Amino acid sequence: MTDPTKKENVKMHLKDLRFNLKKMHLAVTEELLLPQPDEVKTLMYKMDQLVKAIESK
């Protein structure tokens, strides 16, 4: 059975990642600004943490 707290936590992290990726995408497409390397590294780290959270039981 799925832990409801874990599910809500994953949902929250996905929403946060989606928001940050949308913001980054708009900066690239509308303002022609490339993201800072640290911003990309932070999002990659958050995605890795999310994958670990999903894979853990």
C-alpha atoms as a PDB file:
ATOM      1  CA  MET A   1       0.000   0.000   0.000  1.00  0.00           C
ATOM      2  CA  THR A   2       1.229   3.512  -0.783  1.00  0.00           C
ATOM      3  CA  ASP A   3       2.063   5.843   2.091  1.00  0.00           C
ATOM      4  CA  PRO A   4      -0.202   8.938   1.719  1.00  0.00           C
ATOM      5  CA  THR A   5       2.427  11.197   3.290  1.00  0.00           C
ATOM      6  CA  LYS A   6       5.059   9.990   0.830  1.00  0.00           C
ATOM      7  CA  LYS A   7       2.638  10.505  -2.053  1.00  0.00           C
ATOM      8  CA  GLU A   8       1.900  14.094  -0.973  1.00  0.00           C
ATOM      9  CA  ASN A   9       5.611  14.764  -0.501  1.00  0.00           C
ATOM     10  CA  VAL A  10       6.368  13.503  -4.017  1.00  0.00           C
ATOM     11  CA  LYS A  11       3.516  15.612  -5.423  1.00  0.00           C
ATOM     12  CA  MET A  12       4.874  18.713  -3.693  1.00  0.00           C
ATOM     13  CA  HIS A  13       8.371  18.115  -5.057  1.00  0.00           C
ATOM     14  CA  LEU A  14       7.034  17.506  -8.565  1.00  0.00           C
ATOM     15  CA  LYS A  15       5.075  20.779  -8.476  1.00  0.00           C
ATOM     16  CA  ASP A  16       8.183  22.631  -7.301  1.00  0.00           C
ATOM     17  CA  LEU A  17      10.337  21.098 -10.046  1.00  0.00           C
ATOM     18  CA  ARG A  18       7.699  21.818 -12.673  1.00  0.00           C
ATOM     19  CA  PHE A  19       7.469  25.460 -11.592  1.00  0.00           C
ATOM     20  CA  ASN A  20      11.250  25.886 -11.686  1.00  0.00           C
ATOM     21  CA  LEU A  21      11.554  24.199 -15.069  1.00  0.00           C
ATOM     22  CA  LYS A  22       8.757  26.336 -16.530  1.00  0.00           C
ATOM     23  CA  LYS A  23      10.461  29.475 -15.219  1.00  0.00           C
ATOM     24  CA  MET A  24      13.775  28.359 -16.706  1.00  0.00           C
ATOM     25  CA  HIS A  25      12.097  27.513 -20.028  1.00  0.00           C
ATOM     26  CA  LEU A  26      10.449  30.948 -20.232  1.00  0.00           C
ATOM     27  CA  ALA A  27      13.758  32.671 -19.537  1.00  0.00           C
ATOM     28  CA  VAL A  28      15.371  30.709 -22.375  1.00  0.00           C
ATOM     29  CA  THR A  29      12.576  31.083 -24.925  1.00  0.00           C
ATOM     30  CA  GLU A  30      11.307  34.599 -24.193  1.00  0.00           C
ATOM     31  CA  GLU A  31      14.295  36.428 -22.771  1.00  0.00           C
ATOM     32  CA  LEU A  32      16.976  34.374 -24.543  1.00  0.00           C
ATOM     33  CA  LEU A  33      18.773  33.895 -21.220  1.00  0.00           C
ATOM     34  CA  LEU A  34      20.560  30.658 -20.463  1.00  0.00           C
ATOM     35  CA  PRO A  35      20.157  29.339 -16.923  1.00  0.00           C
ATOM     36  CA  GLN A  36      23.060  29.611 -14.523  1.00  0.00           C
ATOM     37  CA  PRO A  37      24.961  26.339 -14.069  1.00  0.00           C
ATOM     38  CA  ASP A  38      24.126  26.339 -10.356  1.00  0.00           C
ATOM     39  CA  GLU A  39      20.400  26.558 -11.140  1.00  0.00           C
ATOM     40  CA  VAL A  40      20.649  23.517 -13.398  1.00  0.00           C
ATOM     41  CA  LYS A  41      22.721  21.599 -10.842  1.00  0.00           C
ATOM     42  CA  THR A  42      20.184  22.401  -8.118  1.00  0.00           C
ATOM     43  CA  LEU A  43      17.285  21.126 -10.228  1.00  0.00           C
ATOM     44  CA  MET A  44      19.230  17.979 -11.123  1.00  0.00           C
ATOM     45  CA  TYR A  45      19.948  17.377  -7.436  1.00  0.00           C
ATOM     46  CA  LYS A  46      16.262  17.852  -6.561  1.00  0.00           C
ATOM     47  CA  MET A  47      15.267  15.424  -9.304  1.00  0.00           C
ATOM     48  CA  ASP A  48      17.765  12.849  -8.037  1.00  0.00           C
ATOM     49  CA  GLN A  49      16.371  13.211  -4.507  1.00  0.00           C
ATOM     50  CA  LEU A  50      12.858  12.757  -5.830  1.00  0.00           C
ATOM     51  CA  VAL A  51      13.814   9.583  -7.691  1.00  0.00           C
ATOM     52  CA  LYS A  52      15.391   8.213  -4.490  1.00  0.00           C
ATOM     53  CA  ALA A  53      12.246   9.049  -2.529  1.00  0.00           C
ATOM     54  CA  ILE A  54      10.064   7.300  -5.099  1.00  0.00           C
ATOM     55  CA  GLU A  55      12.282   4.227  -5.240  1.00  0.00           C
ATOM     56  CA  SER A  56      12.532   3.831  -1.456  1.00  0.00           C
ATOM     57  CA  LYS A  57       9.906   1.735   0.274  1.00  0.00           C
END
